[in-house]
C-alpha atoms as a PDB file:
ATOM      1  CA  MET A   1      40.914 -14.498  23.893  1.00  0.00           C
ATOM      2  CA  LYS A   2      40.133 -13.487  20.294  1.00  0.00           C
ATOM      3  CA  ARG A   3      36.852 -15.419  20.391  1.00  0.00           C
ATOM      4  CA  HIS A   4      35.863 -13.697  23.636  1.00  0.00           C
ATOM      5  CA  PHE A   5      36.682 -10.320  22.134  1.00  0.00           C
ATOM      6  CA  LEU A   6      34.590 -11.021  19.028  1.00  0.00           C
ATOM      7  CA  LEU A   7      31.729 -12.228  21.206  1.00  0.00           C
ATOM      8  CA  LEU A   8      31.920  -9.032  23.235  1.00  0.00           C
ATOM      9  CA  LEU A   9      31.820  -6.960  20.055  1.00  0.00           C
ATOM     10  CA  THR A  10      28.823  -8.924  18.800  1.00  0.00           C
ATOM     11  CA  LEU A  11      26.927  -8.447  22.081  1.00  0.00           C
ATOM     12  CA  SER A  12      27.776  -4.749  22.170  1.00  0.00           C
ATOM     13  CA  ALA A  13      26.572  -4.282  18.601  1.00  0.00           C
ATOM     14  CA  ALA A  14      23.337  -6.117  19.412  1.00  0.00           C
ATOM     15  CA  LEU A  15      22.792  -3.893  22.459  1.00  0.00           C
ATOM     16  CA  LEU A  16      23.367  -0.768  20.385  1.00  0.00           C
ATOM     17  CA  ARG A  17      20.912  -1.968  17.733  1.00  0.00           C
ATOM     18  CA  ALA A  18      18.294  -2.713  20.416  1.00  0.00           C
ATOM     19  CA  GLN A  19      18.736   0.736  21.925  1.00  0.00           C
ATOM     20  CA  ALA A  20      18.592   2.361  18.494  1.00  0.00           C
ATOM     21  CA  ALA A  21      15.253   0.642  17.880  1.00  0.00           C
ATOM     22  CA  ASP A  22      13.784   2.026  21.102  1.00  0.00           C
ATOM     23  CA  LEU A  23      11.290   4.850  20.843  1.00  0.00           C
ATOM     24  CA  ARG A  24      12.735   8.134  22.064  1.00  0.00           C
ATOM     25  CA  LEU A  25      10.592   9.854  24.685  1.00  0.00           C
ATOM     26  CA  GLY A  26      10.655  13.415  25.951  1.00  0.00           C
ATOM     27  CA  ILE A  27       9.408  14.615  29.332  1.00  0.00           C
ATOM     28  CA  ILE A  28       7.593  17.895  29.954  1.00  0.00           C
ATOM     29  CA  GLY A  29       7.658  18.819  33.635  1.00  0.00           C
ATOM     30  CA  THR A  30      10.191  17.230  35.985  1.00  0.00           C
ATOM     31  CA  ASP A  31       8.472  18.120  39.270  1.00  0.00           C
ATOM     32  CA  THR A  32       6.876  14.747  40.050  1.00  0.00           C
ATOM     33  CA  SER A  33       8.330  11.468  41.291  1.00  0.00           C
ATOM     34  CA  HIS A  34       6.712   9.803  38.296  1.00  0.00           C
ATOM     35  CA  VAL A  35       9.491  11.058  36.035  1.00  0.00           C
ATOM     36  CA  ILE A  36      12.036   9.132  38.084  1.00  0.00           C
ATOM     37  CA  ALA A  37       9.909   5.987  38.353  1.00  0.00           C
ATOM     38  CA  PHE A  38       9.061   5.962  34.644  1.00  0.00           C
ATOM     39  CA  THR A  39      12.633   6.709  33.535  1.00  0.00           C
ATOM     40  CA  ARG A  40      14.077   3.997  35.775  1.00  0.00           C
ATOM     41  CA  ALA A  41      11.628   1.452  34.367  1.00  0.00           C
ATOM     42  CA  LEU A  42      12.430   2.431  30.780  1.00  0.00           C
ATOM     43  CA  ASN A  43      16.146   3.269  30.855  1.00  0.00           C
ATOM     44  CA  ASP A  44      17.555   0.610  33.195  1.00  0.00           C
ATOM     45  CA  PRO A  45      17.729  -2.806  31.448  1.00  0.00           C
ATOM     46  CA  SER A  46      18.917  -4.391  34.699  1.00  0.00           C
ATOM     47  CA  ALA A  47      15.833  -3.286  36.644  1.00  0.00           C
ATOM     48  CA  PRO A  48      13.623  -6.233  37.745  1.00  0.00           C
ATOM     49  CA  ASN A  49      10.583  -4.558  36.170  1.00  0.00           C
ATOM     50  CA  HIS A  50      12.322  -3.090  33.124  1.00  0.00           C
ATOM     51  CA  VAL A  51       9.926  -2.056  30.344  1.00  0.00           C
ATOM     52  CA  SER A  52      11.530  -2.393  26.928  1.00  0.00           C
ATOM     53  CA  GLY A  53      10.739  -0.541  23.732  1.00  0.00           C
ATOM     54  CA  ALA A  54      11.315   3.087  24.731  1.00  0.00           C
ATOM     55  CA  ARG A  55      13.810   5.328  26.505  1.00  0.00           C
ATOM     56  CA  VAL A  56      13.584   8.781  28.036  1.00  0.00           C
ATOM     57  CA  GLU A  57      16.100  10.910  26.125  1.00  0.00           C
ATOM     58  CA  ILE A  58      15.224  14.548  26.703  1.00  0.00           C
ATOM     59  CA  ALA A  59      13.316  16.759  29.137  1.00  0.00           C
ATOM     60  CA  TYR A  60      11.948  20.242  29.720  1.00  0.00           C
ATOM     61  CA  LYS A  61      11.866  21.292  33.390  1.00  0.00           C
ATOM     62  CA  GLY A  62       8.695  23.364  33.561  1.00  0.00           C
ATOM     63  CA  GLY A  63       7.583  23.843  37.142  1.00  0.00           C
ATOM     64  CA  SER A  64       5.147  25.937  39.192  1.00  0.00           C
ATOM     65  CA  PRO A  65       6.931  28.033  41.851  1.00  0.00           C
ATOM     66  CA  GLU A  66       3.725  28.738  43.808  1.00  0.00           C
ATOM     67  CA  VAL A  67       2.927  25.004  44.206  1.00  0.00           C
ATOM     68  CA  GLU A  68       4.942  23.526  47.073  1.00  0.00           C
ATOM     69  CA  GLU A  69       5.088  20.002  45.618  1.00  0.00           C
ATOM     70  CA  SER A  70       6.611  21.463  42.435  1.00  0.00           C
ATOM     71  CA  ARG A  71       8.882  24.074  43.973  1.00  0.00           C
ATOM     72  CA  ASN A  72      10.496  21.729  46.505  1.00  0.00           C
ATOM     73  CA  ARG A  73      11.157  18.777  44.196  1.00  0.00           C
ATOM     74  CA  ILE A  74      11.902  19.943  40.680  1.00  0.00           C
ATOM     75  CA  GLU A  75      15.642  20.547  41.077  1.00  0.00           C
ATOM     76  CA  GLY A  76      16.288  17.227  42.796  1.00  0.00           C
ATOM     77  CA  PHE A  77      14.366  15.220  40.224  1.00  0.00           C
ATOM     78  CA  SER A  78      15.981  17.139  37.347  1.00  0.00           C
ATOM     79  CA  ARG A  79      19.450  16.520  38.757  1.00  0.00           C
ATOM     80  CA  GLU A  80      18.791  12.777  39.049  1.00  0.00           C
ATOM     81  CA  LEU A  81      17.451  12.592  35.497  1.00  0.00           C
ATOM     82  CA  HIS A  82      20.574  14.326  34.188  1.00  0.00           C
ATOM     83  CA  ASP A  83      23.261  12.755  36.368  1.00  0.00           C
ATOM     84  CA  LYS A  84      21.983   9.188  36.732  1.00  0.00           C
ATOM     85  CA  TRP A  85      19.959   8.645  33.591  1.00  0.00           C
ATOM     86  CA  HIS A  86      21.823  10.999  31.221  1.00  0.00           C
ATOM     87  CA  VAL A  87      18.672  12.812  30.136  1.00  0.00           C
ATOM     88  CA  ARG A  88      19.398  15.943  28.115  1.00  0.00           C
ATOM     89  CA  PHE A  89      17.531  19.127  29.028  1.00  0.00           C
ATOM     90  CA  VAL A  90      16.147  21.778  26.675  1.00  0.00           C
ATOM     91  CA  ASP A  91      14.960  25.304  27.406  1.00  0.00           C
ATOM     92  CA  THR A  92      11.723  25.121  25.395  1.00  0.00           C
ATOM     93  CA  ILE A  93       9.197  22.424  24.561  1.00  0.00           C
ATOM     94  CA  PRO A  94       9.461  22.848  20.752  1.00  0.00           C
ATOM     95  CA  ALA A  95      13.221  22.280  21.059  1.00  0.00           C
ATOM     96  CA  MET A  96      12.591  18.589  21.807  1.00  0.00           C
ATOM     97  CA  CYS A  97      10.420  17.961  18.745  1.00  0.00           C
ATOM     98  CA  GLY A  98      13.135  16.643  16.447  1.00  0.00           C
ATOM     99  CA  SER A  99      14.548  14.328  19.121  1.00  0.00           C
ATOM    100  CA  VAL A 100      11.448  12.404  20.245  1.00  0.00           C
ATOM    101  CA  ASP A 101       8.941   9.845  19.027  1.00  0.00           C
ATOM    102  CA  GLY A 102       6.535  10.534  21.877  1.00  0.00           C
ATOM    103  CA  ILE A 103       5.995  12.893  24.796  1.00  0.00           C
ATOM    104  CA  LEU A 104       5.226  12.396  28.496  1.00  0.00           C
ATOM    105  CA  LEU A 105       3.478  15.503  29.854  1.00  0.00           C
ATOM    106  CA  GLU A 106       4.227  15.070  33.551  1.00  0.00           C
ATOM    107  CA  SER A 107       3.839  18.503  35.181  1.00  0.00           C
ATOM    108  CA  VAL A 108       2.466  17.966  38.694  1.00  0.00           C
ATOM    109  CA  ASP A 109       0.426  21.192  38.500  1.00  0.00           C
ATOM    110  CA  SER A 110      -2.341  20.292  36.074  1.00  0.00           C
ATOM    111  CA  ARG A 111      -3.037  23.984  35.409  1.00  0.00           C
ATOM    112  CA  ALA A 112       0.088  23.827  33.236  1.00  0.00           C
ATOM    113  CA  HIS A 113      -1.229  21.005  31.053  1.00  0.00           C
ATOM    114  CA  LEU A 114      -3.226  23.101  28.583  1.00  0.00           C
ATOM    115  CA  PRO A 115      -0.507  25.680  27.777  1.00  0.00           C
ATOM    116  CA  GLU A 116       2.111  22.927  27.620  1.00  0.00           C
ATOM    117  CA  MET A 117      -0.107  20.741  25.428  1.00  0.00           C
ATOM    118  CA  LYS A 118      -0.512  23.623  22.981  1.00  0.00           C
ATOM    119  CA  GLN A 119       3.267  23.560  22.525  1.00  0.00           C
ATOM    120  CA  ALA A 120       3.608  19.770  22.636  1.00  0.00           C
ATOM    121  CA  VAL A 121       1.243  19.169  19.722  1.00  0.00           C
ATOM    122  CA  THR A 122       3.548  21.176  17.441  1.00  0.00           C
ATOM    123  CA  CYS A 123       5.805  18.110  17.549  1.00  0.00           C
ATOM    124  CA  GLY A 124       3.073  15.973  15.982  1.00  0.00           C
ATOM    125  CA  LYS A 125       3.927  13.037  18.296  1.00  0.00           C
ATOM    126  CA  PRO A 126       1.681  10.997  20.637  1.00  0.00           C
ATOM    127  CA  VAL A 127       1.287  12.529  24.103  1.00  0.00           C
ATOM    128  CA  PHE A 128       0.662  10.833  27.436  1.00  0.00           C
ATOM    129  CA  ILE A 129      -0.755  13.330  29.951  1.00  0.00           C
ATOM    130  CA  ASP A 130      -0.238  12.286  33.532  1.00  0.00           C
ATOM    131  CA  LYS A 131      -3.214  12.419  35.853  1.00  0.00           C
ATOM    132  CA  PRO A 132      -5.259  14.503  36.131  1.00  0.00           C
ATOM    133  CA  LEU A 133      -5.857  15.591  32.563  1.00  0.00           C
ATOM    134  CA  ALA A 134      -6.437  19.180  33.696  1.00  0.00           C
ATOM    135  CA  SER A 135      -7.298  21.341  36.683  1.00  0.00           C
ATOM    136  CA  SER A 136     -10.729  22.232  35.276  1.00  0.00           C
ATOM    137  CA  LEU A 137     -13.347  20.796  32.946  1.00  0.00           C
ATOM    138  CA  GLU A 138     -12.900  23.754  30.596  1.00  0.00           C
ATOM    139  CA  ASP A 139      -9.160  23.101  30.284  1.00  0.00           C
ATOM    140  CA  ALA A 140      -9.804  19.389  29.733  1.00  0.00           C
ATOM    141  CA  LYS A 141     -12.138  20.096  26.833  1.00  0.00           C
ATOM    142  CA  ALA A 142      -9.655  22.598  25.404  1.00  0.00           C
ATOM    143  CA  ILE A 143      -6.859  19.998  25.527  1.00  0.00           C
ATOM    144  CA  ALA A 144      -9.042  17.586  23.567  1.00  0.00           C
ATOM    145  CA  ARG A 145      -9.767  20.273  20.960  1.00  0.00           C
ATOM    146  CA  VAL A 146      -6.114  21.251  20.636  1.00  0.00           C
ATOM    147  CA  ALA A 147      -5.107  17.622  20.121  1.00  0.00           C
ATOM    148  CA  ALA A 148      -7.903  16.986  17.623  1.00  0.00           C
ATOM    149  CA  ASP A 149      -7.021  20.074  15.590  1.00  0.00           C
ATOM    150  CA  ALA A 150      -3.379  18.949  15.434  1.00  0.00           C
ATOM    151  CA  GLN A 151      -4.388  15.289  14.830  1.00  0.00           C
ATOM    152  CA  VAL A 152      -2.213  14.244  17.766  1.00  0.00           C
ATOM    153  CA  PRO A 153      -3.256  11.112  19.704  1.00  0.00           C
ATOM    154  CA  TRP A 154      -3.292  11.350  23.497  1.00  0.00           C
ATOM    155  CA  PHE A 155      -4.423   9.601  26.615  1.00  0.00           C
ATOM    156  CA  SER A 156      -4.418  10.247  30.339  1.00  0.00           C
ATOM    157  CA  ALA A 157      -4.749   7.737  33.171  1.00  0.00           C
ATOM    158  CA  SER A 158      -3.909   6.901  36.753  1.00  0.00           C
ATOM    159  CA  SER A 159      -1.713   3.875  37.392  1.00  0.00           C
ATOM    160  CA  LEU A 160      -4.532   2.563  39.623  1.00  0.00           C
ATOM    161  CA  ARG A 161      -6.611   1.911  36.486  1.00  0.00           C
ATOM    162  CA  PHE A 162      -4.168  -0.852  35.507  1.00  0.00           C
ATOM    163  CA  SER A 163      -3.814  -2.295  39.024  1.00  0.00           C
ATOM    164  CA  ASP A 164      -5.426  -5.345  40.623  1.00  0.00           C
ATOM    165  CA  ILE A 165      -8.768  -3.602  40.190  1.00  0.00           C
ATOM    166  CA  GLU A 166      -8.884  -4.994  36.662  1.00  0.00           C
ATOM    167  CA  SER A 167      -9.556  -8.423  38.175  1.00  0.00           C
ATOM    168  CA  LEU A 168     -12.938  -7.136  39.393  1.00  0.00           C
ATOM    169  CA  LYS A 169     -13.980  -6.488  35.784  1.00  0.00           C
ATOM    170  CA  GLN A 170     -13.906 -10.166  34.830  1.00  0.00           C
ATOM    171  CA  LYS A 171     -17.615 -10.454  35.696  1.00  0.00           C
ATOM    172  CA  PRO A 172     -20.416  -7.889  35.188  1.00  0.00           C
ATOM    173  CA  VAL A 173     -20.470  -5.081  37.774  1.00  0.00           C
ATOM    174  CA  LYS A 174     -23.888  -3.754  38.845  1.00  0.00           C
ATOM    175  CA  GLY A 175     -22.476  -1.259  41.330  1.00  0.00           C
ATOM    176  CA  ALA A 176     -19.217  -0.309  43.022  1.00  0.00           C
ATOM    177  CA  ILE A 177     -17.583   1.398  45.980  1.00  0.00           C
ATOM    178  CA  VAL A 178     -13.998   2.618  45.756  1.00  0.00           C
ATOM    179  CA  TRP A 179     -11.770   4.437  48.220  1.00  0.00           C
ATOM    180  CA  GLY A 180      -8.373   6.063  48.422  1.00  0.00           C
ATOM    181  CA  PRO A 181      -6.406   9.086  49.648  1.00  0.00           C
ATOM    182  CA  GLY A 182      -7.841  12.563  49.140  1.00  0.00           C
ATOM    183  CA  PRO A 183      -5.346  15.331  49.936  1.00  0.00           C
ATOM    184  CA  THR A 184      -5.978  18.568  48.050  1.00  0.00           C
ATOM    185  CA  GLU A 185      -3.872  21.419  46.665  1.00  0.00           C
ATOM    186  CA  PRO A 186      -5.244  24.980  46.953  1.00  0.00           C
ATOM    187  CA  HIS A 187      -4.381  26.082  43.412  1.00  0.00           C
ATOM    188  CA  GLN A 188      -6.431  23.389  41.647  1.00  0.00           C
ATOM    189  CA  GLN A 189      -9.909  24.423  40.502  1.00  0.00           C
ATOM    190  CA  LEU A 190     -11.333  20.923  41.019  1.00  0.00           C
ATOM    191  CA  ASP A 191     -10.061  19.944  44.458  1.00  0.00           C
ATOM    192  CA  LEU A 192     -10.672  16.212  43.965  1.00  0.00           C
ATOM    193  CA  SER A 193      -8.521  16.275  40.836  1.00  0.00           C
ATOM    194  CA  TRP A 194      -5.318  16.571  42.877  1.00  0.00           C
ATOM    195  CA  TYR A 195      -5.402  13.090  44.438  1.00  0.00           C
ATOM    196  CA  GLY A 196      -9.016  11.982  44.327  1.00  0.00           C
ATOM    197  CA  ILE A 197      -8.475  11.415  40.598  1.00  0.00           C
ATOM    198  CA  HIS A 198      -7.033   7.989  41.468  1.00  0.00           C
ATOM    199  CA  ALA A 199     -10.271   6.837  43.113  1.00  0.00           C
ATOM    200  CA  ALA A 200     -12.329   8.397  40.314  1.00  0.00           C
ATOM    201  CA  GLU A 201     -10.335   6.432  37.734  1.00  0.00           C
ATOM    202  CA  MET A 202     -10.915   3.259  39.737  1.00  0.00           C
ATOM    203  CA  LEU A 203     -14.670   3.901  39.795  1.00  0.00           C
ATOM    204  CA  TYR A 204     -14.749   4.419  36.043  1.00  0.00           C
ATOM    205  CA  THR A 205     -12.582   1.365  35.484  1.00  0.00           C
ATOM    206  CA  LEU A 206     -15.353  -0.689  37.084  1.00  0.00           C
ATOM    207  CA  LEU A 207     -18.437   1.112  35.761  1.00  0.00           C
ATOM    208  CA  GLY A 208     -17.314   2.878  32.579  1.00  0.00           C
ATOM    209  CA  SER A 209     -18.838   6.078  31.214  1.00  0.00           C
ATOM    210  CA  GLY A 210     -22.444   7.046  31.726  1.00  0.00           C
ATOM    211  CA  CYS A 211     -22.632   8.719  35.132  1.00  0.00           C
ATOM    212  CA  SER A 212     -25.530  11.189  35.088  1.00  0.00           C
ATOM    213  CA  VAL A 213     -26.282  12.550  38.595  1.00  0.00           C
ATOM    214  CA  VAL A 214     -23.646  13.292  41.248  1.00  0.00           C
ATOM    215  CA  SER A 215     -23.902  14.098  44.982  1.00  0.00           C
ATOM    216  CA  ARG A 216     -20.995  14.960  47.268  1.00  0.00           C
ATOM    217  CA  VAL A 217     -20.815  15.178  51.047  1.00  0.00           C
ATOM    218  CA  SER A 218     -17.674  16.707  52.533  1.00  0.00           C
ATOM    219  CA  SER A 219     -15.968  17.040  55.887  1.00  0.00           C
ATOM    220  CA  GLU A 220     -12.516  18.155  56.913  1.00  0.00           C
ATOM    221  CA  SER A 221     -11.210  14.585  56.857  1.00  0.00           C
ATOM    222  CA  ALA A 222     -13.122  12.957  53.993  1.00  0.00           C
ATOM    223  CA  ASP A 223     -15.364  13.284  50.953  1.00  0.00           C
ATOM    224  CA  VAL A 224     -18.004  10.837  49.740  1.00  0.00           C
ATOM    225  CA  VAL A 225     -19.228  11.188  46.156  1.00  0.00           C
ATOM    226  CA  THR A 226     -22.166   9.116  44.939  1.00  0.00           C
ATOM    227  CA  CYS A 227     -23.166   8.849  41.299  1.00  0.00           C
ATOM    228  CA  LYS A 228     -26.118   7.328  39.508  1.00  0.00           C
ATOM    229  CA  TRP A 229     -25.383   5.909  36.069  1.00  0.00           C
ATOM    230  CA  LYS A 230     -27.838   6.277  33.213  1.00  0.00           C
ATOM    231  CA  ASP A 231     -28.672   2.563  33.372  1.00  0.00           C
ATOM    232  CA  GLY A 232     -29.495   2.780  37.085  1.00  0.00           C
ATOM    233  CA  ARG A 233     -26.222   1.476  38.532  1.00  0.00           C
ATOM    234  CA  LEU A 234     -24.833   3.269  41.566  1.00  0.00           C
ATOM    235  CA  GLY A 235     -21.200   4.059  42.284  1.00  0.00           C
ATOM    236  CA  THR A 236     -19.613   5.565  45.410  1.00  0.00           C
ATOM    237  CA  MET A 237     -16.179   7.098  45.825  1.00  0.00           C
ATOM    238  CA  ARG A 238     -14.709   7.887  49.253  1.00  0.00           C
ATOM    239  CA  VAL A 239     -11.438   9.763  49.750  1.00  0.00           C
ATOM    240  CA  ASP A 240      -9.789  10.297  53.123  1.00  0.00           C
ATOM    241  CA  ARG A 241      -7.290  12.876  54.344  1.00  0.00           C
ATOM    242  CA  PRO A 242      -4.486  13.028  54.765  1.00  0.00           C
ATOM    243  CA  TYR A 243      -3.969   9.542  53.289  1.00  0.00           C
ATOM    244  CA  SER A 244      -5.465   6.055  53.198  1.00  0.00           C
ATOM    245  CA  LYS A 245      -5.150   2.769  51.343  1.00  0.00           C
ATOM    246  CA  PHE A 246      -6.778   2.126  47.973  1.00  0.00           C
ATOM    247  CA  GLY A 247      -9.582  -0.404  47.791  1.00  0.00           C
ATOM    248  CA  ALA A 248     -12.724  -1.389  45.927  1.00  0.00           C
ATOM    249  CA  VAL A 249     -15.909  -3.443  46.176  1.00  0.00           C
ATOM    250  CA  ALA A 250     -17.786  -4.726  43.134  1.00  0.00           C
ATOM    251  CA  PHE A 251     -21.446  -5.683  43.477  1.00  0.00           C
ATOM    252  CA  ARG A 252     -22.691  -8.527  41.261  1.00  0.00           C
ATOM    253  CA  SER A 253     -26.085  -9.939  40.409  1.00  0.00           C
ATOM    254  CA  ASN A 254     -27.792 -12.150  43.017  1.00  0.00           C
ATOM    255  CA  ASN A 255     -26.231  -9.971  45.769  1.00  0.00           C
ATOM    256  CA  ALA A 256     -22.749 -11.387  45.236  1.00  0.00           C
ATOM    257  CA  VAL A 257     -19.849  -9.128  46.268  1.00  0.00           C
ATOM    258  CA  ASP A 258     -16.125  -9.126  45.477  1.00  0.00           C
ATOM    259  CA  CYS A 259     -13.710  -6.979  47.469  1.00  0.00           C
ATOM    260  CA  LEU A 260     -10.113  -5.804  47.144  1.00  0.00           C
ATOM    261  CA  PRO A 261      -9.388  -4.104  50.496  1.00  0.00           C
ATOM    262  CA  ASP A 262      -5.782  -3.066  49.799  1.00  0.00           C
ATOM    263  CA  ILE A 263      -4.868  -2.336  46.179  1.00  0.00           C
ATOM    264  CA  LYS A 264      -1.151  -1.776  45.659  1.00  0.00           C
ATOM    265  CA  VAL A 265       0.249   1.094  43.610  1.00  0.00           C
ATOM    266  CA  ASP A 266       2.394  -0.167  40.726  1.00  0.00           C
ATOM    267  CA  TYR A 267       3.561   2.081  37.889  1.00  0.00           C
ATOM    268  CA  ILE A 268       4.891  -0.696  35.667  1.00  0.00           C
ATOM    269  CA  PRO A 269       1.583  -1.752  34.030  1.00  0.00           C
ATOM    270  CA  LEU A 270       0.912   1.909  33.159  1.00  0.00           C
ATOM    271  CA  VAL A 271       4.400   2.324  31.688  1.00  0.00           C
ATOM    272  CA  ARG A 272       3.810  -0.742  29.493  1.00  0.00           C
ATOM    273  CA  GLU A 273       0.564   0.803  28.253  1.00  0.00           C
ATOM    274  CA  ILE A 274       2.365   4.084  27.524  1.00  0.00           C
ATOM    275  CA  VAL A 275       5.023   2.347  25.418  1.00  0.00           C
ATOM    276  CA  LYS A 276       2.372   0.410  23.516  1.00  0.00           C
ATOM    277  CA  PHE A 277       0.419   3.624  22.908  1.00  0.00           C
ATOM    278  CA  MET A 278       3.496   5.461  21.631  1.00  0.00           C
ATOM    279  CA  SER A 279       3.974   2.702  19.068  1.00  0.00           C
ATOM    280  CA  THR A 280       0.371   2.068  17.988  1.00  0.00           C
ATOM    281  CA  ARG A 281      -1.018   5.595  18.604  1.00  0.00           C
ATOM    282  CA  GLN A 282      -4.154   3.871  19.970  1.00  0.00           C
ATOM    283  CA  PRO A 283      -5.070   5.067  23.512  1.00  0.00           C
ATOM    284  CA  PRO A 284      -5.796   2.288  26.047  1.00  0.00           C
ATOM    285  CA  VAL A 285      -8.420   4.548  27.633  1.00  0.00           C
ATOM    286  CA  ALA A 286     -10.905   6.282  25.360  1.00  0.00           C
ATOM    287  CA  ASN A 287     -10.541  10.060  25.342  1.00  0.00           C
ATOM    288  CA  ALA A 288     -14.323  10.321  25.809  1.00  0.00           C
ATOM    289  CA  GLU A 289     -14.116   8.379  29.084  1.00  0.00           C
ATOM    290  CA  THR A 290     -11.303  10.594  30.358  1.00  0.00           C
ATOM    291  CA  LEU A 291     -13.403  13.670  29.617  1.00  0.00           C
ATOM    292  CA  ASP A 292     -16.363  11.988  31.336  1.00  0.00           C
ATOM    293  CA  ILE A 293     -14.250  11.607  34.480  1.00  0.00           C
ATOM    294  CA  MET A 294     -13.465  15.325  34.366  1.00  0.00           C
ATOM    295  CA  GLN A 295     -17.202  16.023  34.080  1.00  0.00           C
ATOM    296  CA  PHE A 296     -17.747  13.780  37.113  1.00  0.00           C
ATOM    297  CA  LEU A 297     -15.177  15.767  39.139  1.00  0.00           C
ATOM    298  CA  ASP A 298     -16.717  19.041  37.976  1.00  0.00           C
ATOM    299  CA  ALA A 299     -20.195  17.898  39.016  1.00  0.00           C
ATOM    300  CA  ALA A 300     -18.823  16.815  42.404  1.00  0.00           C
ATOM    301  CA  GLN A 301     -17.307  20.277  42.865  1.00  0.00           C
ATOM    302  CA  ARG A 302     -20.631  21.941  42.053  1.00  0.00           C
ATOM    303  CA  SER A 303     -22.475  19.594  44.424  1.00  0.00           C
ATOM    304  CA  LYS A 304     -20.088  20.531  47.229  1.00  0.00           C
ATOM    305  CA  ALA A 305     -20.761  24.217  46.541  1.00  0.00           C
ATOM    306  CA  GLN A 306     -24.476  23.439  46.841  1.00  0.00           C
ATOM    307  CA  ASN A 307     -24.104  21.646  50.206  1.00  0.00           C
ATOM    308  CA  GLY A 308     -24.370  18.182  48.698  1.00  0.00           C
ATOM    309  CA  SER A 309     -27.362  18.743  46.402  1.00  0.00           C
ATOM    310  CA  PRO A 310     -27.540  16.350  43.424  1.00  0.00           C
ATOM    311  CA  VAL A 311     -25.999  17.818  40.272  1.00  0.00           C
ATOM    312  CA  THR A 312     -26.650  16.653  36.739  1.00  0.00           C
ATOM    313  CA  MET A 313     -23.558  15.948  34.688  1.00  0.00           C
ATOM    314  CA  VAL A 314     -22.846  18.353  31.829  1.00  0.00           C
ATOM    315  CA  GLN A 315     -23.046  16.400  28.597  1.00  0.00           C
END
């Protein structure tokens, strides 16, 4: 009995040491299902896809009352974070600074990202900004400036970037077609940023930065955005409403084609990248590429306003 008791004490002490070594993360904005998915992956050691190395410890509710997806979900998600995962809540963003090693800016309304980022950088800790980076190109550029001035590392990405689509990058890609859901939200300045951001991230995962001319054709049920890269490659993004599967085609040399017709959504690879980033402070996606994606969405918005006319990307 004594040996079992000592063994239990030893295991308990080891567990406490492991938890003490975990990075402490704070959440800004609890109005998206991502906060539950990420916290479960990080805080539940018994979860099949547990990601070690960090725990969510503290949160600031935030919220946008005029946005239905925020208004209808924030209290339920906040209650689960508190009751099930024992996350402590604070009334202001600066109040979490002394209790975190990194920050997850999760607010579902991307219009909130710039004002919240201005407060988050006062903590001086790495910041992950959930997709999309911002609701407008101007806000996206301002976020980058705010972070640079404060010398705070950041990155933003869709989980689709770290999905099966990475397998299509194993060989050179001379062109690509991607598709996914495209519902919109009326308060966002760039309408494709609300959900089309996933497909845009997939396109850039395959082709990288360098898009120069963008054309967009729209209907009530779908949008098709075509872009010409500076080196002559062509990429096409289609989004369907209300929802569709995610998929991609990569065109190779000699007319070879590889296709992934049904790409699954999996948050775990993204969470692993977030934990690694919080430790190394090195973003897995270059900030310049993230800003390039925002320029792509901005050009697509301007093309729509011009009835599909080609628009040159702002550099």
